[in-house]
Amino acid sequence: IAIPAMLILVQPDWGTAVVFICFLIVLYREGMPGWIAGTILFACTLFLMTLLLSTENVIIFLVCCAASGFGILYRKTKYAIIPAVIFFLIYFSLKLTVRLLSLPLESQKVILITLALSSIAFLVFAYIRKIKHVLVIILILLALVGFTFSVDYVFHSFLKPHQQMRVNIILGKETDTQSVGYNLNQSKIAIGSGGFIGKGFLKGTQTKYNFVPEQSTDFIFCTIGEEWGFLGTTLVIVAFAGMLVRIIFLAERQKSAFARIYGYGVASVLFFHVAINIAMTIGLFPVIGIPLPFFSYGGSSMISFTVLLFIFLRLDSVRKIYAR
């Protein structure tokens, strides 16, 4: 998965590269341990939290998670309370000392010093009480803290300025309706103006007067929203959901592993395209070049999705051969 994704990033084409994440669904179906999927989901959540919140608050959240996990591991509430108490006692003591003495210490440095001192204190406590696995949990916590500090570097070093702006607009950290955020703003206006039943076929003002750029490709969903309203968009989503459920049903009845894996691959690719494209047009995902299957203008897109489906239909039609 990583090799073709990295080659596409070199082009660069972030939209197509993101789609390759969908194959993790296939791996999970074929036996990938759940903790790997959980770790990836937690890392994504932590990345977004770091962009939204201060580093200090994120580290406090991680400490609370580590303390809770430690208590769950040993099934003792006191093992969750004690490390949290040690951490917050040191943290508030340092904050008070810095304020009283007017020391030139930033919040990030205070939280890091607190983390170091509380880790040492809890290691001593664990050694005295002969509690196992404390060092492993602390190392995992420190790795997550390191990941938190790397988010800012990755965000500003690997993403281009307009991509950073798009992410910040989605997160509500910046407002821009004229340049980078123009497409998204016009898309929301178009979808919202459709109301419940829409303005009617070819009667959308935002789309027909070209207020929405790329409305025939990446932003085709806003045309549906303006012309057919909430009712039309709901029907489109339900139709896609029905198709995905049907593909999964067909994949599960395959007699060969290849056909089953291919079926889940088709379902995953379609799901990611539909979910990201729709989320992109209503402001739930950064704007990237992702077409809406069977709706967006473009011969290569239509042919690709059609070939994906018909190869799977062919595999399904001869599935009984594998049963012999």
C-alpha atoms as a PDB file:
ATOM      1  CA  ILE A   1       0.000   0.000   0.000  1.00  0.00           C
ATOM      2  CA  ALA A   2       2.759   2.430   0.978  1.00  0.00           C
ATOM      3  CA  ILE A   3       4.866   1.985  -2.194  1.00  0.00           C
ATOM      4  CA  PRO A   4       2.268   3.158  -4.779  1.00  0.00           C
ATOM      5  CA  ALA A   5       0.991   5.800  -2.351  1.00  0.00           C
ATOM      6  CA  MET A   6       4.489   7.283  -1.998  1.00  0.00           C
ATOM      7  CA  LEU A   7       5.015   7.238  -5.776  1.00  0.00           C
ATOM      8  CA  ILE A   8       1.765   9.166  -6.236  1.00  0.00           C
ATOM      9  CA  LEU A   9       2.760  11.660  -3.534  1.00  0.00           C
ATOM     10  CA  VAL A  10       5.914  12.442  -5.530  1.00  0.00           C
ATOM     11  CA  GLN A  11       3.780  13.674  -8.467  1.00  0.00           C
ATOM     12  CA  PRO A  12       2.278  15.202  -6.185  1.00  0.00           C
ATOM     13  CA  ASP A  13      -1.346  14.064  -5.934  1.00  0.00           C
ATOM     14  CA  TRP A  14      -2.506  13.968  -2.318  1.00  0.00           C
ATOM     15  CA  GLY A  15      -6.093  13.138  -3.254  1.00  0.00           C
ATOM     16  CA  THR A  16      -5.291   9.879  -5.024  1.00  0.00           C
ATOM     17  CA  ALA A  17      -2.665   8.952  -2.418  1.00  0.00           C
ATOM     18  CA  VAL A  18      -5.206   9.285   0.408  1.00  0.00           C
ATOM     19  CA  VAL A  19      -7.463   6.758  -1.333  1.00  0.00           C
ATOM     20  CA  PHE A  20      -4.857   4.029  -0.767  1.00  0.00           C
ATOM     21  CA  ILE A  21      -5.679   4.166   2.960  1.00  0.00           C
ATOM     22  CA  CYS A  22      -8.936   2.425   2.085  1.00  0.00           C
ATOM     23  CA  PHE A  23      -7.107  -0.883   1.551  1.00  0.00           C
ATOM     24  CA  LEU A  24      -6.586  -1.095   5.315  1.00  0.00           C
ATOM     25  CA  ILE A  25     -10.271  -2.098   5.399  1.00  0.00           C
ATOM     26  CA  VAL A  26      -9.440  -5.057   3.159  1.00  0.00           C
ATOM     27  CA  LEU A  27      -6.512  -6.065   5.353  1.00  0.00           C
ATOM     28  CA  TYR A  28      -8.695  -5.841   8.447  1.00  0.00           C
ATOM     29  CA  ARG A  29     -11.285  -8.134   6.837  1.00  0.00           C
ATOM     30  CA  GLU A  30      -8.558 -10.635   5.984  1.00  0.00           C
ATOM     31  CA  GLY A  31      -7.252 -10.852   9.539  1.00  0.00           C
ATOM     32  CA  MET A  32      -5.197  -7.761  10.346  1.00  0.00           C
ATOM     33  CA  PRO A  33      -5.170  -7.410  14.169  1.00  0.00           C
ATOM     34  CA  GLY A  34      -7.660  -4.901  15.499  1.00  0.00           C
ATOM     35  CA  TRP A  35      -5.023  -3.095  17.567  1.00  0.00           C
ATOM     36  CA  ILE A  36      -3.294  -1.956  14.361  1.00  0.00           C
ATOM     37  CA  ALA A  37      -6.501  -0.370  13.050  1.00  0.00           C
ATOM     38  CA  GLY A  38      -7.113   1.114  16.507  1.00  0.00           C
ATOM     39  CA  THR A  39      -3.589   2.549  16.624  1.00  0.00           C
ATOM     40  CA  ILE A  40      -3.998   4.178  13.200  1.00  0.00           C
ATOM     41  CA  LEU A  41      -7.355   5.655  14.218  1.00  0.00           C
ATOM     42  CA  PHE A  42      -5.900   6.935  17.501  1.00  0.00           C
ATOM     43  CA  ALA A  43      -2.926   8.482  15.667  1.00  0.00           C
ATOM     44  CA  CYS A  44      -5.276  10.313  13.275  1.00  0.00           C
ATOM     45  CA  THR A  45      -7.371  11.538  16.211  1.00  0.00           C
ATOM     46  CA  LEU A  46      -4.253  12.679  18.055  1.00  0.00           C
ATOM     47  CA  PHE A  47      -3.043  14.508  14.941  1.00  0.00           C
ATOM     48  CA  LEU A  48      -6.317  16.455  14.697  1.00  0.00           C
ATOM     49  CA  MET A  49      -6.351  17.164  18.450  1.00  0.00           C
ATOM     50  CA  THR A  50      -2.832  18.595  18.226  1.00  0.00           C
ATOM     51  CA  LEU A  51      -3.927  20.923  15.427  1.00  0.00           C
ATOM     52  CA  LEU A  52      -7.032  22.024  17.326  1.00  0.00           C
ATOM     53  CA  LEU A  53      -5.757  22.209  20.911  1.00  0.00           C
ATOM     54  CA  SER A  54      -2.595  23.427  22.596  1.00  0.00           C
ATOM     55  CA  THR A  55       0.266  20.985  23.109  1.00  0.00           C
ATOM     56  CA  GLU A  56      -0.180  21.350  26.865  1.00  0.00           C
ATOM     57  CA  ASN A  57      -3.812  20.171  26.757  1.00  0.00           C
ATOM     58  CA  VAL A  58      -2.986  17.263  24.442  1.00  0.00           C
ATOM     59  CA  ILE A  59      -0.245  16.019  26.788  1.00  0.00           C
ATOM     60  CA  ILE A  60      -2.632  16.228  29.752  1.00  0.00           C
ATOM     61  CA  PHE A  61      -5.118  14.172  27.743  1.00  0.00           C
ATOM     62  CA  LEU A  62      -2.428  11.563  26.993  1.00  0.00           C
ATOM     63  CA  VAL A  63      -1.448  11.356  30.651  1.00  0.00           C
ATOM     64  CA  CYS A  64      -5.080  10.761  31.622  1.00  0.00           C
ATOM     65  CA  CYS A  65      -5.337   8.050  28.943  1.00  0.00           C
ATOM     66  CA  ALA A  66      -2.129   6.389  30.180  1.00  0.00           C
ATOM     67  CA  ALA A  67      -3.338   6.483  33.802  1.00  0.00           C
ATOM     68  CA  SER A  68      -6.721   5.050  32.811  1.00  0.00           C
ATOM     69  CA  GLY A  69      -5.070   2.342  30.735  1.00  0.00           C
ATOM     70  CA  PHE A  70      -2.813   1.420  33.626  1.00  0.00           C
ATOM     71  CA  GLY A  71      -5.805   1.108  35.947  1.00  0.00           C
ATOM     72  CA  ILE A  72      -7.695  -1.028  33.395  1.00  0.00           C
ATOM     73  CA  LEU A  73      -4.630  -3.248  32.870  1.00  0.00           C
ATOM     74  CA  TYR A  74      -4.415  -4.108  36.568  1.00  0.00           C
ATOM     75  CA  ARG A  75      -8.147  -3.753  37.241  1.00  0.00           C
ATOM     76  CA  LYS A  76      -7.507  -1.464  40.202  1.00  0.00           C
ATOM     77  CA  THR A  77      -8.902   2.049  40.365  1.00  0.00           C
ATOM     78  CA  LYS A  78      -6.103   3.259  42.631  1.00  0.00           C
ATOM     79  CA  TYR A  79      -3.523   2.453  39.936  1.00  0.00           C
ATOM     80  CA  ALA A  80      -5.321   4.918  37.671  1.00  0.00           C
ATOM     81  CA  ILE A  81      -5.730   7.582  40.359  1.00  0.00           C
ATOM     82  CA  ILE A  82      -2.211   7.522  41.833  1.00  0.00           C
ATOM     83  CA  PRO A  83      -0.247   8.408  38.635  1.00  0.00           C
ATOM     84  CA  ALA A  84      -2.798  11.102  37.774  1.00  0.00           C
ATOM     85  CA  VAL A  85      -2.520  12.601  41.268  1.00  0.00           C
ATOM     86  CA  ILE A  86       1.293  12.539  41.112  1.00  0.00           C
ATOM     87  CA  PHE A  87       1.266  14.261  37.714  1.00  0.00           C
ATOM     88  CA  PHE A  88      -1.201  17.007  38.623  1.00  0.00           C
ATOM     89  CA  LEU A  89       0.434  17.707  42.007  1.00  0.00           C
ATOM     90  CA  ILE A  90       3.781  18.301  40.298  1.00  0.00           C
ATOM     91  CA  TYR A  91       2.132  20.208  37.435  1.00  0.00           C
ATOM     92  CA  PHE A  92       0.203  22.687  39.600  1.00  0.00           C
ATOM     93  CA  SER A  93       3.175  23.082  41.956  1.00  0.00           C
ATOM     94  CA  LEU A  94       5.410  24.021  39.036  1.00  0.00           C
ATOM     95  CA  LYS A  95       2.799  26.381  37.582  1.00  0.00           C
ATOM     96  CA  LEU A  96       2.447  28.108  40.946  1.00  0.00           C
ATOM     97  CA  THR A  97       6.232  28.352  41.367  1.00  0.00           C
ATOM     98  CA  VAL A  98       6.687  29.824  37.891  1.00  0.00           C
ATOM     99  CA  ARG A  99       3.957  32.391  38.544  1.00  0.00           C
ATOM    100  CA  LEU A 100       5.211  33.403  42.011  1.00  0.00           C
ATOM    101  CA  LEU A 101       8.856  33.667  40.986  1.00  0.00           C
ATOM    102  CA  SER A 102       8.053  35.063  37.516  1.00  0.00           C
ATOM    103  CA  LEU A 103      10.309  32.509  35.877  1.00  0.00           C
ATOM    104  CA  PRO A 104      10.692  32.698  32.067  1.00  0.00           C
ATOM    105  CA  LEU A 105       9.321  29.212  31.445  1.00  0.00           C
ATOM    106  CA  GLU A 106       6.864  28.545  28.650  1.00  0.00           C
ATOM    107  CA  SER A 107       3.858  26.282  29.132  1.00  0.00           C
ATOM    108  CA  GLN A 108       5.373  23.572  26.928  1.00  0.00           C
ATOM    109  CA  LYS A 109       8.549  23.468  29.020  1.00  0.00           C
ATOM    110  CA  VAL A 110       6.528  23.318  32.225  1.00  0.00           C
ATOM    111  CA  ILE A 111       4.480  20.379  30.989  1.00  0.00           C
ATOM    112  CA  LEU A 112       7.610  18.542  29.798  1.00  0.00           C
ATOM    113  CA  ILE A 113       9.370  19.040  33.145  1.00  0.00           C
ATOM    114  CA  THR A 114       6.215  17.844  34.880  1.00  0.00           C
ATOM    115  CA  LEU A 115       6.078  14.778  32.668  1.00  0.00           C
ATOM    116  CA  ALA A 116       9.724  13.918  33.394  1.00  0.00           C
ATOM    117  CA  LEU A 117       9.428  14.384  37.164  1.00  0.00           C
ATOM    118  CA  SER A 118       6.112  12.540  37.452  1.00  0.00           C
ATOM    119  CA  SER A 119       7.483   9.638  35.365  1.00  0.00           C
ATOM    120  CA  ILE A 120      10.466   9.286  37.679  1.00  0.00           C
ATOM    121  CA  ALA A 121       8.246   9.555  40.773  1.00  0.00           C
ATOM    122  CA  PHE A 122       5.843   6.908  39.519  1.00  0.00           C
ATOM    123  CA  LEU A 123       8.714   4.607  38.515  1.00  0.00           C
ATOM    124  CA  VAL A 124      10.028   4.815  42.095  1.00  0.00           C
ATOM    125  CA  PHE A 125       6.529   4.128  43.444  1.00  0.00           C
ATOM    126  CA  ALA A 126       6.141   1.149  41.093  1.00  0.00           C
ATOM    127  CA  TYR A 127       9.544  -0.221  42.095  1.00  0.00           C
ATOM    128  CA  ILE A 128       8.646  -0.032  45.786  1.00  0.00           C
ATOM    129  CA  ARG A 129       5.243  -1.669  45.231  1.00  0.00           C
ATOM    130  CA  LYS A 130       6.711  -4.138  42.693  1.00  0.00           C
ATOM    131  CA  ILE A 131       4.298  -3.154  39.917  1.00  0.00           C
ATOM    132  CA  LYS A 132       5.207  -4.507  36.474  1.00  0.00           C
ATOM    133  CA  HIS A 133       5.022  -2.999  32.988  1.00  0.00           C
ATOM    134  CA  VAL A 134       5.228   0.600  34.255  1.00  0.00           C
ATOM    135  CA  LEU A 135       8.328   1.380  32.189  1.00  0.00           C
ATOM    136  CA  VAL A 136       6.650   0.102  29.011  1.00  0.00           C
ATOM    137  CA  ILE A 137       3.588   2.301  29.567  1.00  0.00           C
ATOM    138  CA  ILE A 138       5.757   5.347  30.274  1.00  0.00           C
ATOM    139  CA  LEU A 139       7.812   4.739  27.116  1.00  0.00           C
ATOM    140  CA  ILE A 140       4.603   4.486  25.051  1.00  0.00           C
ATOM    141  CA  LEU A 141       3.401   7.730  26.637  1.00  0.00           C
ATOM    142  CA  LEU A 142       6.691   9.473  25.814  1.00  0.00           C
ATOM    143  CA  ALA A 143       6.474   8.190  22.217  1.00  0.00           C
ATOM    144  CA  LEU A 144       2.976   9.665  21.896  1.00  0.00           C
ATOM    145  CA  VAL A 145       4.217  12.961  23.335  1.00  0.00           C
ATOM    146  CA  GLY A 146       7.023  12.930  20.754  1.00  0.00           C
ATOM    147  CA  PHE A 147       4.429  12.298  18.044  1.00  0.00           C
ATOM    148  CA  THR A 148       2.459  15.300  19.318  1.00  0.00           C
ATOM    149  CA  PHE A 149       5.488  17.575  18.981  1.00  0.00           C
ATOM    150  CA  SER A 150       6.190  16.240  15.471  1.00  0.00           C
ATOM    151  CA  VAL A 151       2.719  17.180  14.185  1.00  0.00           C
ATOM    152  CA  ASP A 152       3.583  20.853  13.865  1.00  0.00           C
ATOM    153  CA  TYR A 153       6.730  20.042  11.883  1.00  0.00           C
ATOM    154  CA  VAL A 154       4.919  17.627   9.562  1.00  0.00           C
ATOM    155  CA  PHE A 155       2.030  20.047   9.051  1.00  0.00           C
ATOM    156  CA  HIS A 156       4.243  22.982   8.082  1.00  0.00           C
ATOM    157  CA  SER A 157       6.977  21.056   6.243  1.00  0.00           C
ATOM    158  CA  PHE A 158       5.061  18.544   4.142  1.00  0.00           C
ATOM    159  CA  LEU A 159       1.856  20.443   3.332  1.00  0.00           C
ATOM    160  CA  LYS A 160       1.875  23.392   0.992  1.00  0.00           C
ATOM    161  CA  PRO A 161       0.515  26.766   2.219  1.00  0.00           C
ATOM    162  CA  HIS A 162      -2.825  26.365   0.391  1.00  0.00           C
ATOM    163  CA  GLN A 163      -3.213  22.842   1.819  1.00  0.00           C
ATOM    164  CA  GLN A 164      -2.506  24.138   5.326  1.00  0.00           C
ATOM    165  CA  MET A 165      -5.111  26.827   4.770  1.00  0.00           C
ATOM    166  CA  ARG A 166      -7.711  24.257   3.682  1.00  0.00           C
ATOM    167  CA  VAL A 167      -7.132  22.167   6.809  1.00  0.00           C
ATOM    168  CA  ASN A 168      -7.310  25.244   9.058  1.00  0.00           C
ATOM    169  CA  ILE A 169     -10.576  26.314   7.411  1.00  0.00           C
ATOM    170  CA  ILE A 170     -12.106  22.861   8.027  1.00  0.00           C
ATOM    171  CA  LEU A 171     -10.968  22.982  11.664  1.00  0.00           C
ATOM    172  CA  GLY A 172     -12.428  26.466  12.088  1.00  0.00           C
ATOM    173  CA  LYS A 173      -9.075  28.071  12.889  1.00  0.00           C
ATOM    174  CA  GLU A 174      -9.235  30.398   9.884  1.00  0.00           C
ATOM    175  CA  THR A 175     -11.959  31.987   7.766  1.00  0.00           C
ATOM    176  CA  ASP A 176     -11.493  32.574   4.053  1.00  0.00           C
ATOM    177  CA  THR A 177     -14.337  33.011   1.591  1.00  0.00           C
ATOM    178  CA  GLN A 178     -12.435  34.711  -1.225  1.00  0.00           C
ATOM    179  CA  SER A 179      -9.316  32.704  -2.105  1.00  0.00           C
ATOM    180  CA  VAL A 180      -8.483  29.213  -0.771  1.00  0.00           C
ATOM    181  CA  GLY A 181     -11.862  28.803   0.918  1.00  0.00           C
ATOM    182  CA  TYR A 182     -13.890  30.189  -1.989  1.00  0.00           C
ATOM    183  CA  ASN A 183     -14.804  26.799  -3.485  1.00  0.00           C
ATOM    184  CA  LEU A 184     -15.999  25.397  -0.177  1.00  0.00           C
ATOM    185  CA  ASN A 185     -17.978  28.518   0.710  1.00  0.00           C
ATOM    186  CA  GLN A 186     -19.787  28.566  -2.647  1.00  0.00           C
ATOM    187  CA  SER A 187     -20.430  24.819  -2.413  1.00  0.00           C
ATOM    188  CA  LYS A 188     -22.097  25.232   0.984  1.00  0.00           C
ATOM    189  CA  ILE A 189     -24.226  28.090  -0.343  1.00  0.00           C
ATOM    190  CA  ALA A 190     -25.304  25.986  -3.332  1.00  0.00           C
ATOM    191  CA  ILE A 191     -26.223  22.936  -1.247  1.00  0.00           C
ATOM    192  CA  GLY A 192     -27.980  25.022   1.392  1.00  0.00           C
ATOM    193  CA  SER A 193     -29.977  26.990  -1.168  1.00  0.00           C
ATOM    194  CA  GLY A 194     -31.486  23.748  -2.490  1.00  0.00           C
ATOM    195  CA  GLY A 195     -33.661  23.395   0.587  1.00  0.00           C
ATOM    196  CA  PHE A 196     -35.688  20.212   0.960  1.00  0.00           C
ATOM    197  CA  ILE A 197     -36.688  19.418  -2.642  1.00  0.00           C
ATOM    198  CA  GLY A 198     -34.282  21.662  -4.580  1.00  0.00           C
ATOM    199  CA  LYS A 199     -34.747  24.312  -7.242  1.00  0.00           C
ATOM    200  CA  GLY A 200     -35.366  21.877 -10.070  1.00  0.00           C
ATOM    201  CA  PHE A 201     -33.359  20.335 -12.894  1.00  0.00           C
ATOM    202  CA  LEU A 202     -30.943  22.859 -14.475  1.00  0.00           C
ATOM    203  CA  LYS A 203     -32.426  25.674 -12.350  1.00  0.00           C
ATOM    204  CA  GLY A 204     -29.623  26.087  -9.824  1.00  0.00           C
ATOM    205  CA  THR A 205     -28.326  29.653  -9.775  1.00  0.00           C
ATOM    206  CA  GLN A 206     -25.045  28.999  -7.952  1.00  0.00           C
ATOM    207  CA  THR A 207     -24.044  26.192 -10.281  1.00  0.00           C
ATOM    208  CA  LYS A 208     -25.466  27.372 -13.615  1.00  0.00           C
ATOM    209  CA  TYR A 209     -23.922  30.824 -13.223  1.00  0.00           C
ATOM    210  CA  ASN A 210     -20.539  29.248 -12.412  1.00  0.00           C
ATOM    211  CA  PHE A 211     -20.209  30.545  -8.867  1.00  0.00           C
ATOM    212  CA  VAL A 212     -18.948  27.089  -7.876  1.00  0.00           C
ATOM    213  CA  PRO A 213     -15.634  26.140  -9.571  1.00  0.00           C
ATOM    214  CA  GLU A 214     -15.105  22.538 -10.712  1.00  0.00           C
ATOM    215  CA  GLN A 215     -18.849  21.867 -10.302  1.00  0.00           C
ATOM    216  CA  SER A 216     -18.825  19.161 -12.964  1.00  0.00           C
ATOM    217  CA  THR A 217     -15.968  17.197 -11.373  1.00  0.00           C
ATOM    218  CA  ASP A 218     -14.868  17.483  -7.733  1.00  0.00           C
ATOM    219  CA  PHE A 219     -17.861  19.603  -6.655  1.00  0.00           C
ATOM    220  CA  ILE A 220     -20.571  17.785  -8.589  1.00  0.00           C
ATOM    221  CA  PHE A 221     -22.398  16.965  -5.336  1.00  0.00           C
ATOM    222  CA  CYS A 222     -23.287  20.633  -4.788  1.00  0.00           C
ATOM    223  CA  THR A 223     -25.129  20.577  -8.144  1.00  0.00           C
ATOM    224  CA  ILE A 224     -27.214  17.665  -6.862  1.00  0.00           C
ATOM    225  CA  GLY A 225     -27.844  19.511  -3.613  1.00  0.00           C
ATOM    226  CA  GLU A 226     -28.955  22.737  -5.284  1.00  0.00           C
ATOM    227  CA  GLU A 227     -31.139  21.172  -7.969  1.00  0.00           C
ATOM    228  CA  TRP A 228     -32.647  18.294  -5.968  1.00  0.00           C
ATOM    229  CA  GLY A 229     -32.257  19.487  -2.386  1.00  0.00           C
ATOM    230  CA  PHE A 230     -32.035  17.409   0.762  1.00  0.00           C
ATOM    231  CA  LEU A 231     -34.311  14.761  -0.727  1.00  0.00           C
ATOM    232  CA  GLY A 232     -32.138  14.267  -3.810  1.00  0.00           C
ATOM    233  CA  THR A 233     -28.844  14.138  -1.916  1.00  0.00           C
ATOM    234  CA  THR A 234     -30.315  11.649   0.542  1.00  0.00           C
ATOM    235  CA  LEU A 235     -31.433   9.400  -2.309  1.00  0.00           C
ATOM    236  CA  VAL A 236     -27.955   9.551  -3.848  1.00  0.00           C
ATOM    237  CA  ILE A 237     -26.312   8.610  -0.542  1.00  0.00           C
ATOM    238  CA  VAL A 238     -28.814   5.793   0.036  1.00  0.00           C
ATOM    239  CA  ALA A 239     -28.177   4.491  -3.506  1.00  0.00           C
ATOM    240  CA  PHE A 240     -24.415   4.445  -2.930  1.00  0.00           C
ATOM    241  CA  ALA A 241     -24.899   2.770   0.459  1.00  0.00           C
ATOM    242  CA  GLY A 242     -27.103   0.106  -1.145  1.00  0.00           C
ATOM    243  CA  MET A 243     -24.502  -0.553  -3.822  1.00  0.00           C
ATOM    244  CA  LEU A 244     -21.708  -0.882  -1.238  1.00  0.00           C
ATOM    245  CA  VAL A 245     -23.761  -3.270   0.898  1.00  0.00           C
ATOM    246  CA  ARG A 246     -24.525  -5.345  -2.196  1.00  0.00           C
ATOM    247  CA  ILE A 247     -20.849  -5.513  -3.185  1.00  0.00           C
ATOM    248  CA  ILE A 248     -19.888  -6.655   0.332  1.00  0.00           C
ATOM    249  CA  PHE A 249     -22.640  -9.293   0.246  1.00  0.00           C
ATOM    250  CA  LEU A 250     -21.342 -10.583  -3.088  1.00  0.00           C
ATOM    251  CA  ALA A 251     -17.755 -10.518  -1.791  1.00  0.00           C
ATOM    252  CA  GLU A 252     -18.687 -12.659   1.208  1.00  0.00           C
ATOM    253  CA  ARG A 253     -20.227 -15.389  -0.946  1.00  0.00           C
ATOM    254  CA  GLN A 254     -17.156 -15.825  -3.118  1.00  0.00           C
ATOM    255  CA  LYS A 255     -15.487 -19.247  -3.123  1.00  0.00           C
ATOM    256  CA  SER A 256     -11.952 -17.960  -3.636  1.00  0.00           C
ATOM    257  CA  ALA A 257      -9.915 -15.634  -1.456  1.00  0.00           C
ATOM    258  CA  PHE A 258      -8.832 -13.613  -4.502  1.00  0.00           C
ATOM    259  CA  ALA A 259     -12.408 -12.796  -5.537  1.00  0.00           C
ATOM    260  CA  ARG A 260     -13.382 -11.928  -1.966  1.00  0.00           C
ATOM    261  CA  ILE A 261     -10.374  -9.659  -1.479  1.00  0.00           C
ATOM    262  CA  TYR A 262     -10.981  -8.004  -4.855  1.00  0.00           C
ATOM    263  CA  GLY A 263     -14.639  -7.411  -3.934  1.00  0.00           C
ATOM    264  CA  TYR A 264     -13.689  -5.739  -0.668  1.00  0.00           C
ATOM    265  CA  GLY A 265     -11.093  -3.700  -2.550  1.00  0.00           C
ATOM    266  CA  VAL A 266     -13.782  -2.409  -4.933  1.00  0.00           C
ATOM    267  CA  ALA A 267     -16.123  -1.598  -2.036  1.00  0.00           C
ATOM    268  CA  SER A 268     -13.345   0.200  -0.141  1.00  0.00           C
ATOM    269  CA  VAL A 269     -12.290   2.315  -3.139  1.00  0.00           C
ATOM    270  CA  LEU A 270     -15.879   3.344  -3.877  1.00  0.00           C
ATOM    271  CA  PHE A 271     -16.615   4.049  -0.209  1.00  0.00           C
ATOM    272  CA  PHE A 272     -13.602   6.337   0.186  1.00  0.00           C
ATOM    273  CA  HIS A 273     -14.379   8.253  -2.999  1.00  0.00           C
ATOM    274  CA  VAL A 274     -18.021   8.770  -2.053  1.00  0.00           C
ATOM    275  CA  ALA A 275     -17.341   9.622   1.606  1.00  0.00           C
ATOM    276  CA  ILE A 276     -14.445  12.013   0.945  1.00  0.00           C
ATOM    277  CA  ASN A 277     -16.095  13.758  -2.024  1.00  0.00           C
ATOM    278  CA  ILE A 278     -19.351  14.416  -0.149  1.00  0.00           C
ATOM    279  CA  ALA A 279     -17.544  15.389   3.061  1.00  0.00           C
ATOM    280  CA  MET A 280     -15.323  17.720   1.036  1.00  0.00           C
ATOM    281  CA  THR A 281     -18.259  19.619  -0.484  1.00  0.00           C
ATOM    282  CA  ILE A 282     -20.034  20.169   2.856  1.00  0.00           C
ATOM    283  CA  GLY A 283     -16.939  21.181   4.837  1.00  0.00           C
ATOM    284  CA  LEU A 284     -16.171  18.002   6.782  1.00  0.00           C
ATOM    285  CA  PHE A 285     -12.928  17.187   4.933  1.00  0.00           C
ATOM    286  CA  PRO A 286     -10.208  19.324   3.315  1.00  0.00           C
ATOM    287  CA  VAL A 287     -10.668  20.014  -0.392  1.00  0.00           C
ATOM    288  CA  ILE A 288      -8.676  17.500  -2.461  1.00  0.00           C
ATOM    289  CA  GLY A 289      -9.084  16.165  -5.992  1.00  0.00           C
ATOM    290  CA  ILE A 290     -11.492  13.274  -5.418  1.00  0.00           C
ATOM    291  CA  PRO A 291     -14.273  12.595  -7.992  1.00  0.00           C
ATOM    292  CA  LEU A 292     -17.738  11.295  -7.109  1.00  0.00           C
ATOM    293  CA  PRO A 293     -18.067   7.853  -8.749  1.00  0.00           C
ATOM    294  CA  PHE A 294     -20.426   7.715 -11.764  1.00  0.00           C
ATOM    295  CA  PHE A 295     -21.343  11.408 -11.322  1.00  0.00           C
ATOM    296  CA  SER A 296     -18.177  13.467 -11.847  1.00  0.00           C
ATOM    297  CA  TYR A 297     -17.354  14.417 -15.440  1.00  0.00           C
ATOM    298  CA  GLY A 298     -14.344  12.609 -16.886  1.00  0.00           C
ATOM    299  CA  GLY A 299     -13.921   9.563 -19.091  1.00  0.00           C
ATOM    300  CA  SER A 300     -10.996   8.039 -17.190  1.00  0.00           C
ATOM    301  CA  SER A 301     -12.905   8.154 -13.901  1.00  0.00           C
ATOM    302  CA  MET A 302     -16.040   6.594 -15.390  1.00  0.00           C
ATOM    303  CA  ILE A 303     -14.081   3.870 -17.195  1.00  0.00           C
ATOM    304  CA  SER A 304     -12.009   3.044 -14.101  1.00  0.00           C
ATOM    305  CA  PHE A 305     -14.978   2.618 -11.768  1.00  0.00           C
ATOM    306  CA  THR A 306     -16.914   0.687 -14.408  1.00  0.00           C
ATOM    307  CA  VAL A 307     -14.022  -1.706 -15.040  1.00  0.00           C
ATOM    308  CA  LEU A 308     -13.627  -2.244 -11.280  1.00  0.00           C
ATOM    309  CA  LEU A 309     -17.271  -3.229 -10.937  1.00  0.00           C
ATOM    310  CA  PHE A 310     -17.529  -5.393 -14.051  1.00  0.00           C
ATOM    311  CA  ILE A 311     -14.403  -7.401 -13.272  1.00  0.00           C
ATOM    312  CA  PHE A 312     -15.966  -8.180  -9.903  1.00  0.00           C
ATOM    313  CA  LEU A 313     -19.281  -9.104 -11.532  1.00  0.00           C
ATOM    314  CA  ARG A 314     -17.396 -11.442 -13.837  1.00  0.00           C
ATOM    315  CA  LEU A 315     -15.640 -13.056 -10.861  1.00  0.00           C
ATOM    316  CA  ASP A 316     -18.988 -13.458  -9.124  1.00  0.00           C
ATOM    317  CA  SER A 317     -20.588 -15.038 -12.187  1.00  0.00           C
ATOM    318  CA  VAL A 318     -18.007 -17.855 -12.239  1.00  0.00           C
ATOM    319  CA  ARG A 319     -17.715 -18.310  -8.481  1.00  0.00           C
ATOM    320  CA  LYS A 320     -19.224 -21.818  -8.672  1.00  0.00           C
ATOM    321  CA  ILE A 321     -16.223 -23.003 -10.642  1.00  0.00           C
ATOM    322  CA  TYR A 322     -14.077 -22.523  -7.546  1.00  0.00           C
ATOM    323  CA  ALA A 323     -16.431 -24.726  -5.525  1.00  0.00           C
ATOM    324  CA  ARG A 324     -15.591 -27.794  -7.613  1.00  0.00           C
END
